[in-house]
Amino acid sequence: MDYRSLVNSITHGNRMDSVVAIDLETLIDTPADFLTGERIIAVSISYFDISELRTEVLIAKDNTIDEEDRILKEFDRKMRDLNPSIIIGYNHSGYDVPLIRIKMNRRSYSKQLWNLKRILSTSYLLDMMYVIADDLYEFDGDYRLRKLSEVVIHPRYQDLKLQRSKYLTKREGMPVNKAIELMWKEEPNNFREYCSGDTKDLMSIFTYIFLNKP
């Protein structure tokens, strides 16, 4: 069974309450820090409550293990409540989920995130980076993996009501990772908008691709 058939079987009758989008924001100083257990400073979660798209952003107050632990525990409880059948993200199979697993592997048995462990082991992880690559190939014959910032402005999705918040990281002379850190420390409203944008936009694109709803 291919992923389209599987998704359709899970969301039959437009059951979007079975789908959750997740995204992590982390502090990374250099490429060498990638997937080394870097600090998680925010978790964005988008989901449908009946027909309304909702997003919650869990944000660490400072760069400490205690704050990371707090938002991970909140994330664990939220995923327990939502209990998704499908978890979507953008390259979450290559980054977000592996990093969560690194964090869980470093926790003692008594402090395990049991809800996350169960859900990540039983839900279908659908990486929208590859789904969108397939969708855009059907649209214009150009198959390649794109950055999400490129995806959200693609003509294929131009009529969707996307948040398109990637522009917030465009600061003259500043790399993206430093722009994210700056927003987290000094621009809380921009940071929250940036975090929520990725998961909101992915849920909208997912709905458009699989349920043909703009």
N, C-alpha and C. Protein backbone atom coordinates (compact mmCIF):
# COMPACT_ATOMS: atom_id res chain seq x y z
N MET A 1 0.85 -1.20 0.00
CA MET A 1 0.00 0.00 0.00
C MET A 1 0.88 1.25 0.00
N ASP A 2 0.65 2.17 -0.96
CA ASP A 2 1.45 3.40 -0.98
C ASP A 2 0.90 4.39 0.04
N TYR A 3 1.64 5.48 0.25
CA TYR A 3 1.26 6.40 1.32
C TYR A 3 -0.07 7.09 1.02
N ARG A 4 -0.40 7.32 -0.24
CA ARG A 4 -1.67 7.96 -0.56
C ARG A 4 -2.85 7.08 -0.12
N SER A 5 -2.76 5.81 -0.44
CA SER A 5 -3.83 4.88 -0.05
C SER A 5 -3.93 4.77 1.46
N LEU A 6 -2.77 4.74 2.12
CA LEU A 6 -2.78 4.62 3.58
C LEU A 6 -3.38 5.86 4.22
N VAL A 7 -2.98 7.03 3.76
CA VAL A 7 -3.53 8.27 4.32
C VAL A 7 -5.03 8.34 4.07
N ASN A 8 -5.45 7.99 2.88
CA ASN A 8 -6.88 8.03 2.57
C ASN A 8 -7.67 7.07 3.44
N SER A 9 -7.07 5.92 3.73
CA SER A 9 -7.79 4.94 4.57
C SER A 9 -7.92 5.44 6.01
N ILE A 10 -6.92 6.19 6.48
CA ILE A 10 -6.96 6.71 7.85
C ILE A 10 -7.88 7.92 7.97
N THR A 11 -7.87 8.77 6.94
CA THR A 11 -8.64 10.02 6.99
C THR A 11 -9.99 9.89 6.29
N HIS A 12 -10.46 8.67 6.07
CA HIS A 12 -11.74 8.49 5.38
C HIS A 12 -12.83 9.28 6.11
N GLY A 13 -13.71 9.87 5.31
CA GLY A 13 -14.75 10.71 5.91
C GLY A 13 -14.19 12.03 6.40
N ASN A 14 -13.02 12.43 5.83
CA ASN A 14 -12.38 13.70 6.20
C ASN A 14 -12.03 13.76 7.69
N ARG A 15 -11.56 12.66 8.24
CA ARG A 15 -11.20 12.61 9.66
C ARG A 15 -9.84 13.25 9.90
N MET A 16 -9.80 14.58 9.83
CA MET A 16 -8.55 15.28 10.01
C MET A 16 -8.11 15.31 11.47
N ASP A 17 -8.99 14.89 12.38
CA ASP A 17 -8.59 14.86 13.79
C ASP A 17 -7.56 13.79 14.06
N SER A 18 -7.29 12.94 13.06
CA SER A 18 -6.28 11.88 13.24
C SER A 18 -4.89 12.33 12.82
N VAL A 19 -4.76 13.59 12.36
CA VAL A 19 -3.49 14.10 11.82
C VAL A 19 -2.96 15.23 12.69
N VAL A 20 -1.67 15.17 13.00
CA VAL A 20 -1.01 16.22 13.77
C VAL A 20 0.29 16.60 13.07
N ALA A 21 0.57 17.89 13.00
CA ALA A 21 1.83 18.38 12.44
C ALA A 21 2.72 18.85 13.58
N ILE A 22 4.00 18.49 13.52
CA ILE A 22 4.94 18.91 14.57
C ILE A 22 6.18 19.56 13.95
N ASP A 23 6.82 20.41 14.74
CA ASP A 23 8.08 21.02 14.31
C ASP A 23 8.85 21.46 15.56
N LEU A 24 10.15 21.24 15.55
CA LEU A 24 11.02 21.67 16.65
C LEU A 24 11.86 22.86 16.22
N GLU A 25 12.14 23.73 17.17
CA GLU A 25 13.15 24.77 16.97
C GLU A 25 14.26 24.51 17.98
N THR A 26 15.49 24.59 17.50
CA THR A 26 16.63 24.26 18.35
C THR A 26 17.72 25.31 18.23
N LEU A 27 18.65 25.26 19.17
CA LEU A 27 19.81 26.14 19.12
C LEU A 27 20.98 25.36 18.50
N ILE A 28 21.44 25.82 17.33
CA ILE A 28 22.55 25.18 16.65
C ILE A 28 23.57 26.25 16.28
N ASP A 29 24.78 26.14 16.79
CA ASP A 29 25.81 27.12 16.50
C ASP A 29 26.56 26.82 15.21
N THR A 30 26.86 25.55 14.97
CA THR A 30 27.60 25.17 13.78
C THR A 30 26.97 23.89 13.19
N PRO A 31 27.23 23.60 11.90
CA PRO A 31 26.70 22.35 11.31
C PRO A 31 27.11 21.10 12.08
N ALA A 32 28.23 21.17 12.79
CA ALA A 32 28.69 20.02 13.56
C ALA A 32 27.75 19.70 14.72
N ASP A 33 26.92 20.66 15.10
CA ASP A 33 25.99 20.45 16.21
C ASP A 33 24.74 19.69 15.79
N PHE A 34 24.58 19.46 14.48
CA PHE A 34 23.38 18.84 13.95
C PHE A 34 23.19 17.43 14.50
N LEU A 35 22.05 17.20 15.15
CA LEU A 35 21.70 15.90 15.75
C LEU A 35 22.77 15.40 16.73
N THR A 36 23.19 16.29 17.60
CA THR A 36 24.12 15.90 18.65
C THR A 36 23.47 16.00 20.03
N GLY A 37 22.17 16.28 20.04
CA GLY A 37 21.48 16.49 21.31
C GLY A 37 21.33 17.96 21.62
N GLU A 38 21.34 18.80 20.58
CA GLU A 38 21.22 20.24 20.74
C GLU A 38 19.94 20.62 21.51
N ARG A 39 19.96 21.80 22.10
CA ARG A 39 18.85 22.23 22.94
C ARG A 39 17.59 22.51 22.13
N ILE A 40 16.49 21.95 22.58
CA ILE A 40 15.19 22.26 21.99
C ILE A 40 14.62 23.47 22.72
N ILE A 41 14.27 24.52 21.95
CA ILE A 41 13.74 25.73 22.58
C ILE A 41 12.26 25.96 22.29
N ALA A 42 11.70 25.18 21.34
CA ALA A 42 10.27 25.33 21.06
C ALA A 42 9.75 24.10 20.33
N VAL A 43 8.48 23.82 20.58
CA VAL A 43 7.77 22.75 19.87
C VAL A 43 6.45 23.34 19.37
N SER A 44 6.21 23.22 18.07
CA SER A 44 4.95 23.68 17.50
C SER A 44 4.10 22.46 17.14
N ILE A 45 2.82 22.53 17.47
CA ILE A 45 1.88 21.43 17.22
C ILE A 45 0.63 22.01 16.59
N SER A 46 0.29 21.54 15.39
CA SER A 46 -0.96 21.95 14.74
C SER A 46 -1.87 20.75 14.56
N TYR A 47 -3.16 20.98 14.75
CA TYR A 47 -4.13 19.89 14.68
C TYR A 47 -5.51 20.48 14.43
N PHE A 48 -6.43 19.63 13.99
CA PHE A 48 -7.81 20.07 13.77
C PHE A 48 -8.66 19.69 14.97
N ASP A 49 -9.39 20.68 15.47
CA ASP A 49 -10.39 20.48 16.51
C ASP A 49 -11.74 20.61 15.82
N ILE A 50 -12.34 19.48 15.50
CA ILE A 50 -13.51 19.41 14.62
C ILE A 50 -13.06 19.95 13.26
N SER A 51 -13.50 21.14 12.85
CA SER A 51 -13.08 21.66 11.54
C SER A 51 -12.14 22.84 11.67
N GLU A 52 -11.78 23.21 12.88
CA GLU A 52 -10.95 24.39 13.11
C GLU A 52 -9.48 23.98 13.32
N LEU A 53 -8.60 24.62 12.56
CA LEU A 53 -7.17 24.37 12.70
C LEU A 53 -6.63 25.13 13.91
N ARG A 54 -6.02 24.40 14.82
CA ARG A 54 -5.45 25.02 16.01
C ARG A 54 -3.96 24.76 16.07
N THR A 55 -3.24 25.67 16.68
CA THR A 55 -1.80 25.52 16.84
C THR A 55 -1.39 25.92 18.25
N GLU A 56 -0.56 25.11 18.85
CA GLU A 56 0.02 25.44 20.16
C GLU A 56 1.54 25.45 20.01
N VAL A 57 2.17 26.47 20.58
CA VAL A 57 3.62 26.57 20.54
C VAL A 57 4.14 26.55 21.97
N LEU A 58 4.95 25.55 22.28
CA LEU A 58 5.55 25.41 23.60
C LEU A 58 6.95 25.99 23.54
N ILE A 59 7.19 27.04 24.30
CA ILE A 59 8.44 27.79 24.18
C ILE A 59 9.21 27.79 25.50
N ALA A 60 10.49 27.45 25.42
CA ALA A 60 11.36 27.49 26.60
C ALA A 60 11.65 28.95 26.98
N LYS A 61 11.70 29.21 28.27
CA LYS A 61 11.93 30.57 28.75
C LYS A 61 13.41 30.92 28.75
N ASP A 62 14.25 29.90 28.84
CA ASP A 62 15.69 30.15 28.82
C ASP A 62 16.41 28.90 28.32
N ASN A 63 17.71 29.02 28.13
CA ASN A 63 18.52 27.94 27.57
C ASN A 63 19.03 27.03 28.69
N THR A 64 18.08 26.27 29.27
CA THR A 64 18.45 25.37 30.36
C THR A 64 17.83 24.00 30.13
N ILE A 65 18.43 22.99 30.77
CA ILE A 65 17.88 21.64 30.69
C ILE A 65 16.49 21.59 31.31
N ASP A 66 16.28 22.33 32.39
CA ASP A 66 14.98 22.32 33.07
C ASP A 66 13.87 22.84 32.15
N GLU A 67 14.16 23.90 31.41
CA GLU A 67 13.15 24.46 30.52
C GLU A 67 12.88 23.53 29.34
N GLU A 68 13.93 22.93 28.82
CA GLU A 68 13.73 21.95 27.76
C GLU A 68 12.88 20.80 28.28
N ASP A 69 13.17 20.35 29.48
CA ASP A 69 12.43 19.26 30.08
C ASP A 69 10.96 19.64 30.25
N ARG A 70 10.70 20.87 30.64
CA ARG A 70 9.32 21.33 30.83
C ARG A 70 8.52 21.26 29.53
N ILE A 71 9.08 21.79 28.44
CA ILE A 71 8.31 21.80 27.20
C ILE A 71 8.18 20.40 26.60
N LEU A 72 9.18 19.55 26.83
CA LEU A 72 9.06 18.17 26.35
C LEU A 72 7.96 17.42 27.11
N LYS A 73 7.83 17.68 28.39
CA LYS A 73 6.76 17.05 29.17
C LYS A 73 5.39 17.56 28.71
N GLU A 74 5.30 18.85 28.40
CA GLU A 74 4.05 19.41 27.88
C GLU A 74 3.72 18.79 26.52
N PHE A 75 4.74 18.63 25.71
CA PHE A 75 4.59 18.00 24.40
C PHE A 75 4.09 16.56 24.57
N ASP A 76 4.66 15.85 25.50
CA ASP A 76 4.27 14.48 25.78
C ASP A 76 2.79 14.40 26.17
N ARG A 77 2.35 15.32 27.03
CA ARG A 77 0.94 15.32 27.46
C ARG A 77 0.01 15.69 26.31
N LYS A 78 0.42 16.65 25.50
CA LYS A 78 -0.43 17.07 24.39
C LYS A 78 -0.60 15.95 23.37
N MET A 79 0.47 15.25 23.08
CA MET A 79 0.38 14.15 22.12
C MET A 79 -0.48 13.02 22.69
N ARG A 80 -0.42 12.83 23.99
CA ARG A 80 -1.31 11.83 24.62
C ARG A 80 -2.77 12.22 24.39
N ASP A 81 -3.08 13.49 24.57
CA ASP A 81 -4.46 13.95 24.42
C ASP A 81 -4.92 13.87 22.96
N LEU A 82 -4.03 14.19 22.02
CA LEU A 82 -4.40 14.18 20.61
C LEU A 82 -4.41 12.77 20.03
N ASN A 83 -3.47 11.95 20.48
CA ASN A 83 -3.37 10.54 20.07
C ASN A 83 -3.49 10.39 18.54
N PRO A 84 -2.60 11.00 17.78
CA PRO A 84 -2.73 10.99 16.32
C PRO A 84 -2.43 9.63 15.70
N SER A 85 -3.04 9.41 14.54
CA SER A 85 -2.72 8.23 13.73
C SER A 85 -1.65 8.57 12.70
N ILE A 86 -1.58 9.85 12.31
CA ILE A 86 -0.58 10.31 11.35
C ILE A 86 0.13 11.52 11.94
N ILE A 87 1.46 11.52 11.91
CA ILE A 87 2.25 12.68 12.34
C ILE A 87 2.99 13.19 11.11
N ILE A 88 2.73 14.45 10.75
CA ILE A 88 3.42 15.03 9.61
C ILE A 88 4.42 16.08 10.07
N GLY A 89 5.38 16.36 9.21
CA GLY A 89 6.38 17.40 9.45
C GLY A 89 7.13 17.61 8.15
N TYR A 90 8.10 18.51 8.20
CA TYR A 90 8.91 18.76 7.01
C TYR A 90 10.35 18.35 7.33
N ASN A 91 10.75 17.23 6.76
CA ASN A 91 12.01 16.57 7.10
C ASN A 91 12.03 16.16 8.57
N HIS A 92 10.87 15.89 9.12
CA HIS A 92 10.85 15.44 10.52
C HIS A 92 11.41 14.02 10.66
N SER A 93 11.38 13.25 9.56
CA SER A 93 12.00 11.93 9.61
C SER A 93 13.52 12.02 9.66
N GLY A 94 14.05 13.15 9.17
CA GLY A 94 15.50 13.32 9.15
C GLY A 94 16.04 14.16 10.30
N TYR A 95 15.16 14.87 11.01
CA TYR A 95 15.68 15.71 12.09
C TYR A 95 14.82 15.67 13.37
N ASP A 96 13.59 16.13 13.29
CA ASP A 96 12.78 16.31 14.52
C ASP A 96 12.60 15.00 15.29
N VAL A 97 12.15 13.96 14.60
CA VAL A 97 11.91 12.69 15.29
C VAL A 97 13.22 12.06 15.79
N PRO A 98 14.30 12.02 14.96
CA PRO A 98 15.56 11.50 15.51
C PRO A 98 16.05 12.26 16.73
N LEU A 99 15.87 13.60 16.73
CA LEU A 99 16.32 14.37 17.89
C LEU A 99 15.47 14.05 19.12
N ILE A 100 14.17 13.90 18.94
CA ILE A 100 13.32 13.51 20.07
C ILE A 100 13.77 12.16 20.62
N ARG A 101 14.11 11.25 19.72
CA ARG A 101 14.56 9.92 20.17
C ARG A 101 15.89 10.02 20.93
N ILE A 102 16.79 10.88 20.46
CA ILE A 102 18.04 11.11 21.19
C ILE A 102 17.74 11.58 22.61
N LYS A 103 16.82 12.54 22.71
CA LYS A 103 16.47 13.07 24.03
C LYS A 103 15.87 11.98 24.92
N MET A 104 15.01 11.16 24.34
CA MET A 104 14.38 10.10 25.14
C MET A 104 15.40 9.05 25.57
N ASN A 105 16.34 8.73 24.69
CA ASN A 105 17.36 7.73 25.02
C ASN A 105 18.27 8.18 26.15
N ARG A 106 18.38 9.50 26.34
CA ARG A 106 19.25 10.03 27.39
C ARG A 106 18.52 10.20 28.72
N ARG A 107 17.23 9.95 28.73
CA ARG A 107 16.47 10.08 29.97
C ARG A 107 16.48 8.76 30.73
N SER A 108 16.41 8.86 32.03
CA SER A 108 16.34 7.65 32.84
C SER A 108 14.99 6.98 32.66
N TYR A 109 14.90 5.74 33.04
CA TYR A 109 13.66 4.98 32.88
C TYR A 109 12.50 5.67 33.60
N SER A 110 12.75 6.20 34.78
CA SER A 110 11.69 6.82 35.57
C SER A 110 11.21 8.15 35.01
N LYS A 111 12.00 8.73 34.08
CA LYS A 111 11.64 10.03 33.52
C LYS A 111 11.32 9.95 32.03
N GLN A 112 11.00 8.76 31.57
CA GLN A 112 10.70 8.59 30.15
C GLN A 112 9.42 9.33 29.73
N LEU A 113 9.40 9.75 28.48
CA LEU A 113 8.23 10.38 27.89
C LEU A 113 7.40 9.27 27.24
N TRP A 114 6.65 8.59 28.06
CA TRP A 114 6.01 7.36 27.62
C TRP A 114 4.97 7.58 26.53
N ASN A 115 4.25 8.68 26.59
CA ASN A 115 3.24 8.94 25.56
C ASN A 115 3.90 9.16 24.20
N LEU A 116 4.95 9.96 24.19
CA LEU A 116 5.69 10.19 22.95
C LEU A 116 6.31 8.90 22.43
N LYS A 117 6.87 8.13 23.33
CA LYS A 117 7.50 6.87 22.92
C LYS A 117 6.48 5.96 22.26
N ARG A 118 5.30 5.86 22.85
CA ARG A 118 4.25 5.00 22.28
C ARG A 118 3.77 5.54 20.94
N ILE A 119 3.48 6.84 20.88
CA ILE A 119 2.90 7.42 19.67
C ILE A 119 3.88 7.42 18.51
N LEU A 120 5.15 7.68 18.79
CA LEU A 120 6.15 7.65 17.72
C LEU A 120 6.40 6.23 17.23
N SER A 121 6.01 5.26 18.02
CA SER A 121 6.20 3.85 17.65
C SER A 121 4.98 3.25 16.97
N THR A 122 3.82 3.91 17.07
CA THR A 122 2.59 3.33 16.53
C THR A 122 1.92 4.20 15.47
N SER A 123 2.24 5.49 15.41
CA SER A 123 1.65 6.36 14.40
C SER A 123 2.41 6.26 13.09
N TYR A 124 1.77 6.69 12.02
CA TYR A 124 2.41 6.73 10.70
C TYR A 124 3.10 8.07 10.56
N LEU A 125 4.43 8.06 10.39
CA LEU A 125 5.20 9.28 10.23
C LEU A 125 5.28 9.61 8.74
N LEU A 126 4.60 10.67 8.33
CA LEU A 126 4.54 11.06 6.92
C LEU A 126 5.33 12.33 6.72
N ASP A 127 6.46 12.21 6.04
CA ASP A 127 7.33 13.36 5.82
C ASP A 127 6.85 14.14 4.60
N MET A 128 6.32 15.34 4.85
CA MET A 128 5.74 16.14 3.78
C MET A 128 6.79 16.65 2.79
N MET A 129 8.06 16.60 3.14
CA MET A 129 9.09 17.01 2.20
C MET A 129 9.04 16.14 0.94
N TYR A 130 8.80 14.85 1.13
CA TYR A 130 8.74 13.92 0.00
C TYR A 130 7.36 13.92 -0.66
N VAL A 131 6.32 14.06 0.14
CA VAL A 131 4.96 14.14 -0.42
C VAL A 131 4.84 15.36 -1.33
N ILE A 132 5.35 16.49 -0.88
CA ILE A 132 5.28 17.72 -1.68
C ILE A 132 6.15 17.60 -2.92
N ALA A 133 7.30 16.94 -2.81
CA ALA A 133 8.14 16.73 -4.00
C ALA A 133 7.37 15.94 -5.05
N ASP A 134 6.62 14.91 -4.63
CA ASP A 134 5.80 14.13 -5.55
C ASP A 134 4.69 14.99 -6.14
N ASP A 135 4.04 15.77 -5.28
CA ASP A 135 2.91 16.60 -5.73
C ASP A 135 3.36 17.64 -6.74
N LEU A 136 4.50 18.27 -6.51
CA LEU A 136 4.99 19.29 -7.43
C LEU A 136 5.53 18.68 -8.72
N TYR A 137 6.01 17.45 -8.65
CA TYR A 137 6.42 16.75 -9.86
C TYR A 137 5.22 16.52 -10.78
N GLU A 138 4.10 16.14 -10.17
CA GLU A 138 2.89 15.95 -10.96
C GLU A 138 2.40 17.28 -11.53
N PHE A 139 2.70 18.37 -10.82
CA PHE A 139 2.23 19.70 -11.24
C PHE A 139 3.06 20.27 -12.38
N ASP A 140 4.41 20.18 -12.24
CA ASP A 140 5.26 20.83 -13.25
C ASP A 140 6.39 19.96 -13.79
N GLY A 141 6.43 18.69 -13.38
CA GLY A 141 7.45 17.78 -13.90
C GLY A 141 8.83 17.98 -13.32
N ASP A 142 8.94 18.77 -12.26
CA ASP A 142 10.23 19.06 -11.64
C ASP A 142 10.31 18.37 -10.29
N TYR A 143 10.96 17.19 -10.25
CA TYR A 143 11.08 16.48 -8.98
C TYR A 143 12.38 16.87 -8.28
N ARG A 144 12.25 17.47 -7.12
CA ARG A 144 13.41 17.76 -6.27
C ARG A 144 12.91 18.10 -4.88
N LEU A 145 13.81 17.95 -3.92
CA LEU A 145 13.48 18.29 -2.54
C LEU A 145 13.76 19.78 -2.34
N ARG A 146 12.75 20.49 -1.92
CA ARG A 146 12.85 21.94 -1.78
C ARG A 146 12.86 22.36 -0.31
N LYS A 147 13.37 23.54 -0.05
CA LYS A 147 13.23 24.12 1.27
C LYS A 147 11.77 24.53 1.45
N LEU A 148 11.28 24.49 2.68
CA LEU A 148 9.89 24.85 2.93
C LEU A 148 9.63 26.30 2.54
N SER A 149 10.62 27.15 2.69
CA SER A 149 10.46 28.55 2.30
C SER A 149 10.17 28.70 0.81
N GLU A 150 10.68 27.77 0.00
CA GLU A 150 10.41 27.76 -1.43
C GLU A 150 9.04 27.15 -1.72
N VAL A 151 8.69 26.13 -0.96
CA VAL A 151 7.42 25.45 -1.17
C VAL A 151 6.23 26.39 -0.98
N VAL A 152 6.25 27.16 0.10
CA VAL A 152 5.06 27.95 0.45
C VAL A 152 4.79 29.09 -0.52
N ILE A 153 5.76 29.43 -1.38
CA ILE A 153 5.53 30.47 -2.38
C ILE A 153 5.41 29.89 -3.79
N HIS A 154 5.35 28.56 -3.89
CA HIS A 154 5.24 27.91 -5.18
C HIS A 154 3.86 28.20 -5.79
N PRO A 155 3.79 28.39 -7.12
CA PRO A 155 2.49 28.66 -7.77
C PRO A 155 1.43 27.61 -7.47
N ARG A 156 1.84 26.38 -7.24
CA ARG A 156 0.89 25.30 -6.94
C ARG A 156 0.05 25.63 -5.71
N TYR A 157 0.64 26.33 -4.74
CA TYR A 157 -0.04 26.60 -3.48
C TYR A 157 -0.34 28.08 -3.27
N GLN A 158 -0.30 28.85 -4.35
CA GLN A 158 -0.42 30.31 -4.21
C GLN A 158 -1.80 30.76 -3.71
N ASP A 159 -2.81 29.95 -3.96
CA ASP A 159 -4.16 30.34 -3.53
C ASP A 159 -4.52 29.85 -2.13
N LEU A 160 -3.63 29.10 -1.52
CA LEU A 160 -3.88 28.63 -0.16
C LEU A 160 -3.63 29.75 0.84
N LYS A 161 -4.37 29.75 1.92
CA LYS A 161 -4.19 30.77 2.95
C LYS A 161 -3.09 30.33 3.91
N LEU A 162 -1.86 30.45 3.43
CA LEU A 162 -0.71 30.03 4.22
C LEU A 162 -0.15 31.21 5.02
N GLN A 163 0.49 30.88 6.13
CA GLN A 163 1.07 31.92 6.97
C GLN A 163 2.38 32.45 6.38
N ARG A 164 3.15 31.58 5.74
CA ARG A 164 4.39 31.96 5.04
C ARG A 164 5.28 32.83 5.92
N SER A 165 5.64 32.30 7.08
CA SER A 165 6.39 33.09 8.06
C SER A 165 7.91 32.92 7.97
N LYS A 166 8.40 32.18 6.98
CA LYS A 166 9.85 31.99 6.84
C LYS A 166 10.58 33.31 6.62
N TYR A 167 9.88 34.30 6.08
CA TYR A 167 10.52 35.60 5.81
C TYR A 167 11.08 36.23 7.08
N LEU A 168 10.57 35.83 8.23
CA LEU A 168 10.99 36.43 9.49
C LEU A 168 12.46 36.18 9.80
N THR A 169 13.06 35.16 9.19
CA THR A 169 14.47 34.86 9.45
C THR A 169 15.42 35.59 8.50
N LYS A 170 14.87 36.34 7.57
CA LYS A 170 15.72 37.04 6.61
C LYS A 170 16.22 38.34 7.22
N ARG A 171 17.41 38.28 7.78
CA ARG A 171 18.05 39.44 8.40
C ARG A 171 19.38 39.68 7.70
N GLU A 172 19.63 40.87 7.29
CA GLU A 172 20.84 41.19 6.53
C GLU A 172 22.10 40.81 7.32
N GLY A 173 22.94 40.00 6.70
CA GLY A 173 24.20 39.61 7.30
C GLY A 173 24.09 38.62 8.44
N MET A 174 22.91 38.02 8.63
CA MET A 174 22.70 37.10 9.76
C MET A 174 22.22 35.74 9.25
N PRO A 175 22.91 34.66 9.61
CA PRO A 175 22.44 33.33 9.21
C PRO A 175 21.12 32.99 9.89
N VAL A 176 20.41 32.04 9.32
CA VAL A 176 19.07 31.69 9.81
C VAL A 176 19.10 31.26 11.27
N ASN A 177 20.09 30.44 11.65
CA ASN A 177 20.11 29.94 13.03
C ASN A 177 20.25 31.08 14.04
N LYS A 178 21.01 32.10 13.68
CA LYS A 178 21.17 33.25 14.58
C LYS A 178 19.92 34.13 14.60
N ALA A 179 19.24 34.21 13.46
CA ALA A 179 17.99 34.97 13.41
C ALA A 179 16.93 34.32 14.29
N ILE A 180 16.88 32.99 14.27
CA ILE A 180 15.94 32.26 15.11
C ILE A 180 16.25 32.49 16.59
N GLU A 181 17.54 32.42 16.93
CA GLU A 181 17.94 32.64 18.33
C GLU A 181 17.61 34.06 18.77
N LEU A 182 17.83 35.03 17.87
CA LEU A 182 17.53 36.42 18.19
C LEU A 182 16.04 36.61 18.46
N MET A 183 15.20 36.03 17.61
CA MET A 183 13.76 36.16 17.81
C MET A 183 13.33 35.53 19.12
N TRP A 184 13.89 34.36 19.42
CA TRP A 184 13.55 33.68 20.66
C TRP A 184 13.89 34.54 21.88
N LYS A 185 15.03 35.19 21.83
CA LYS A 185 15.49 35.98 22.98
C LYS A 185 14.85 37.36 23.06
N GLU A 186 14.61 38.00 21.91
CA GLU A 186 14.25 39.42 21.92
C GLU A 186 12.94 39.76 21.21
N GLU A 187 12.40 38.84 20.41
CA GLU A 187 11.20 39.15 19.62
C GLU A 187 10.17 38.02 19.79
N PRO A 188 9.57 37.91 20.97
CA PRO A 188 8.68 36.77 21.25
C PRO A 188 7.50 36.63 20.29
N ASN A 189 6.92 37.74 19.86
CA ASN A 189 5.78 37.65 18.94
C ASN A 189 6.21 37.10 17.58
N ASN A 190 7.35 37.60 17.09
CA ASN A 190 7.87 37.09 15.82
C ASN A 190 8.26 35.62 15.94
N PHE A 191 8.84 35.26 17.07
CA PHE A 191 9.27 33.88 17.26
C PHE A 191 8.06 32.94 17.27
N ARG A 192 7.02 33.33 17.97
CA ARG A 192 5.82 32.49 18.02
C ARG A 192 5.19 32.35 16.64
N GLU A 193 5.16 33.46 15.89
CA GLU A 193 4.61 33.41 14.53
C GLU A 193 5.46 32.51 13.64
N TYR A 194 6.77 32.62 13.78
CA TYR A 194 7.67 31.78 12.98
C TYR A 194 7.46 30.30 13.29
N CYS A 195 7.36 29.97 14.56
CA CYS A 195 7.19 28.57 14.97
C CYS A 195 5.86 28.01 14.47
N SER A 196 4.80 28.77 14.62
CA SER A 196 3.47 28.27 14.25
C SER A 196 3.31 28.17 12.74
N GLY A 197 4.04 28.98 12.00
CA GLY A 197 3.87 29.02 10.55
C GLY A 197 4.13 27.70 9.87
N ASP A 198 5.21 27.02 10.25
CA ASP A 198 5.57 25.76 9.59
C ASP A 198 4.48 24.71 9.73
N THR A 199 3.99 24.49 10.94
CA THR A 199 3.02 23.42 11.13
C THR A 199 1.65 23.81 10.57
N LYS A 200 1.27 25.07 10.69
CA LYS A 200 0.00 25.51 10.10
C LYS A 200 0.02 25.32 8.59
N ASP A 201 1.10 25.78 7.96
CA ASP A 201 1.18 25.68 6.50
C ASP A 201 1.21 24.24 6.03
N LEU A 202 1.91 23.38 6.76
CA LEU A 202 1.94 21.96 6.38
C LEU A 202 0.57 21.32 6.48
N MET A 203 -0.19 21.66 7.50
CA MET A 203 -1.54 21.11 7.63
C MET A 203 -2.42 21.58 6.48
N SER A 204 -2.25 22.83 6.07
CA SER A 204 -3.05 23.35 4.97
C SER A 204 -2.69 22.66 3.65
N ILE A 205 -1.39 22.46 3.42
CA ILE A 205 -0.96 21.79 2.20
C ILE A 205 -1.37 20.32 2.22
N PHE A 206 -1.25 19.67 3.37
CA PHE A 206 -1.69 18.28 3.51
C PHE A 206 -3.17 18.16 3.13
N THR A 207 -3.99 19.05 3.67
CA THR A 207 -5.43 19.02 3.39
C THR A 207 -5.69 19.22 1.91
N TYR A 208 -4.94 20.12 1.30
CA TYR A 208 -5.12 20.42 -0.12
C TYR A 208 -4.74 19.21 -0.98
N ILE A 209 -3.65 18.56 -0.65
CA ILE A 209 -3.19 17.42 -1.45
C ILE A 209 -4.10 16.20 -1.28
N PHE A 210 -4.45 15.88 -0.05
CA PHE A 210 -5.15 14.62 0.19
C PHE A 210 -6.67 14.74 0.19
N LEU A 211 -7.19 15.91 0.57
CA LEU A 211 -8.64 16.08 0.64
C LEU A 211 -9.17 17.05 -0.40
N ASN A 212 -8.25 17.60 -1.20
CA ASN A 212 -8.63 18.54 -2.26
C ASN A 212 -9.44 19.71 -1.74
N LYS A 213 -8.99 20.22 -0.59
CA LYS A 213 -9.66 21.38 0.00
C LYS A 213 -8.69 22.54 0.05
N PRO A 214 -8.98 23.66 -0.62
CA PRO A 214 -8.09 24.82 -0.56
C PRO A 214 -8.14 25.51 0.79
